């Protein structure tokens, strides 16, 4: 009985440890569809615009590279909004997860 209990506990622990990562990626996907799809296309096209390393670079330093890339276009107010800093980690997780070199394809 004890080995079974330990196995159940390990299974539950493993499932819970994966939940936050999945939640961030899913939230980022929803944010992408709401805020980025209009200009960059669906999630498959948008995330694949860059490699994982390139997305990392764009999101370094409070996403300063991403903000700079959108300077002067119609989306600039979105990036200047303080709410962007709150959602940027989720957006980064989505774009990184489905980057051109990730081998993953989002279903959006």
Protein backbone atom coordinates (compact mmCIF):
# COMPACT_ATOMS: atom_id res chain seq x y z
CA UNK A 1 0.00 0.00 0.00
CA UNK A 2 2.81 2.45 0.77
CA UNK A 3 4.46 2.18 -2.70
CA UNK A 4 1.07 2.94 -4.29
CA UNK A 5 0.58 6.02 -2.08
CA UNK A 6 4.07 7.26 -2.94
CA UNK A 7 3.43 6.76 -6.65
CA UNK A 8 0.14 8.70 -6.46
CA UNK A 9 1.84 11.52 -4.54
CA UNK A 10 4.64 11.72 -7.13
CA UNK A 11 2.12 11.75 -9.98
CA UNK A 12 0.13 14.56 -8.40
CA UNK A 13 3.30 16.53 -7.68
CA UNK A 14 4.49 16.16 -11.27
CA UNK A 15 1.14 17.28 -12.65
CA UNK A 16 1.05 20.32 -10.39
CA UNK A 17 4.59 21.33 -11.28
CA UNK A 18 3.66 21.48 -14.98
CA UNK A 19 0.50 23.54 -14.48
CA UNK A 20 2.07 27.02 -14.03
CA UNK A 21 4.14 26.71 -17.21
CA UNK A 22 1.13 25.62 -19.24
CA UNK A 23 -1.02 28.34 -17.72
CA UNK A 24 1.50 31.03 -18.72
CA UNK A 25 1.76 29.76 -22.29
CA UNK A 26 -2.02 29.52 -22.62
CA UNK A 27 -2.50 33.00 -21.19
CA UNK A 28 0.18 34.30 -23.56
CA UNK A 29 -1.59 32.66 -26.49
CA UNK A 30 -4.84 34.40 -25.56
CA UNK A 31 -3.03 37.73 -25.20
CA UNK A 32 -1.33 37.25 -28.56
CA UNK A 33 -4.66 36.55 -30.28
CA UNK A 34 -6.21 39.62 -28.66
CA UNK A 35 -3.36 42.08 -29.13
CA UNK A 36 -0.99 40.91 -31.87
CA UNK A 37 -2.92 38.81 -34.38
CA UNK A 38 -4.22 41.81 -36.32
CA UNK A 39 -0.73 42.75 -37.52
CA UNK A 40 1.26 39.53 -37.18
CA UNK A 41 -1.24 36.86 -38.18
CA UNK A 42 -2.28 33.78 -36.25
CA UNK A 43 -0.12 32.36 -33.46
CA UNK A 44 1.62 29.89 -35.75
CA UNK A 45 2.84 32.65 -38.03
CA UNK A 46 3.56 35.22 -35.32
CA UNK A 47 5.57 33.04 -32.96
CA UNK A 48 7.55 31.54 -35.84
CA UNK A 49 8.77 35.00 -36.87
CA UNK A 50 11.73 34.55 -34.50
CA UNK A 51 13.82 31.82 -32.91
CA UNK A 52 13.77 31.17 -29.17
CA UNK A 53 17.03 33.10 -28.75
CA UNK A 54 15.64 36.04 -30.72
CA UNK A 55 12.48 36.13 -28.57
CA UNK A 56 14.65 36.01 -25.44
CA UNK A 57 16.65 39.00 -26.68
CA UNK A 58 13.53 41.02 -27.53
CA UNK A 59 12.06 40.42 -24.07
CA UNK A 60 15.25 41.22 -22.10
CA UNK A 61 15.18 44.32 -19.90
CA UNK A 62 11.40 44.65 -19.54
CA UNK A 63 10.87 43.76 -23.21
CA UNK A 64 12.82 46.79 -24.34
CA UNK A 65 13.71 45.21 -27.70
CA UNK A 66 10.09 44.40 -28.46
CA UNK A 67 9.00 47.90 -27.44
CA UNK A 68 11.69 49.44 -29.65
CA UNK A 69 10.65 47.25 -32.60
CA UNK A 70 7.13 48.70 -32.40
CA UNK A 71 8.19 52.31 -31.86
CA UNK A 72 6.37 54.66 -34.20
CA UNK A 73 3.70 52.20 -35.37
CA UNK A 74 0.04 51.99 -34.41
CA UNK A 75 0.73 49.54 -31.57
CA UNK A 76 3.12 51.85 -29.70
CA UNK A 77 0.48 52.94 -27.11
CA UNK A 78 -0.11 49.27 -26.22
CA UNK A 79 3.56 48.87 -25.30
CA UNK A 80 3.67 52.12 -23.31
CA UNK A 81 0.74 51.02 -21.16
CA UNK A 82 1.83 49.76 -17.72
CA UNK A 83 -0.40 46.73 -18.21
CA UNK A 84 1.97 45.54 -20.93
CA UNK A 85 4.70 44.93 -18.34
CA UNK A 86 2.28 42.69 -16.43
CA UNK A 87 1.37 40.58 -19.45
CA UNK A 88 4.78 40.54 -21.15
CA UNK A 89 6.01 37.40 -19.32
CA UNK A 90 2.99 35.43 -20.52
CA UNK A 91 3.37 36.70 -24.07
CA UNK A 92 7.07 35.83 -23.95
CA UNK A 93 6.29 32.30 -22.76
CA UNK A 94 3.89 31.76 -25.66
CA UNK A 95 6.23 33.18 -28.31
CA UNK A 96 9.21 31.26 -26.92
CA UNK A 97 7.26 27.98 -26.72
CA UNK A 98 6.22 28.22 -30.37
CA UNK A 99 9.28 29.95 -31.86
CA UNK A 100 10.56 28.94 -35.29
CA UNK A 101 13.14 26.56 -33.83
CA UNK A 102 10.95 25.08 -31.08
CA UNK A 103 9.37 22.27 -33.08
CA UNK A 104 6.01 23.17 -31.52
CA UNK A 105 2.93 24.43 -33.37
CA UNK A 106 0.15 26.27 -31.51
CA UNK A 107 -3.45 25.41 -32.22
CA UNK A 108 -4.73 28.92 -32.80
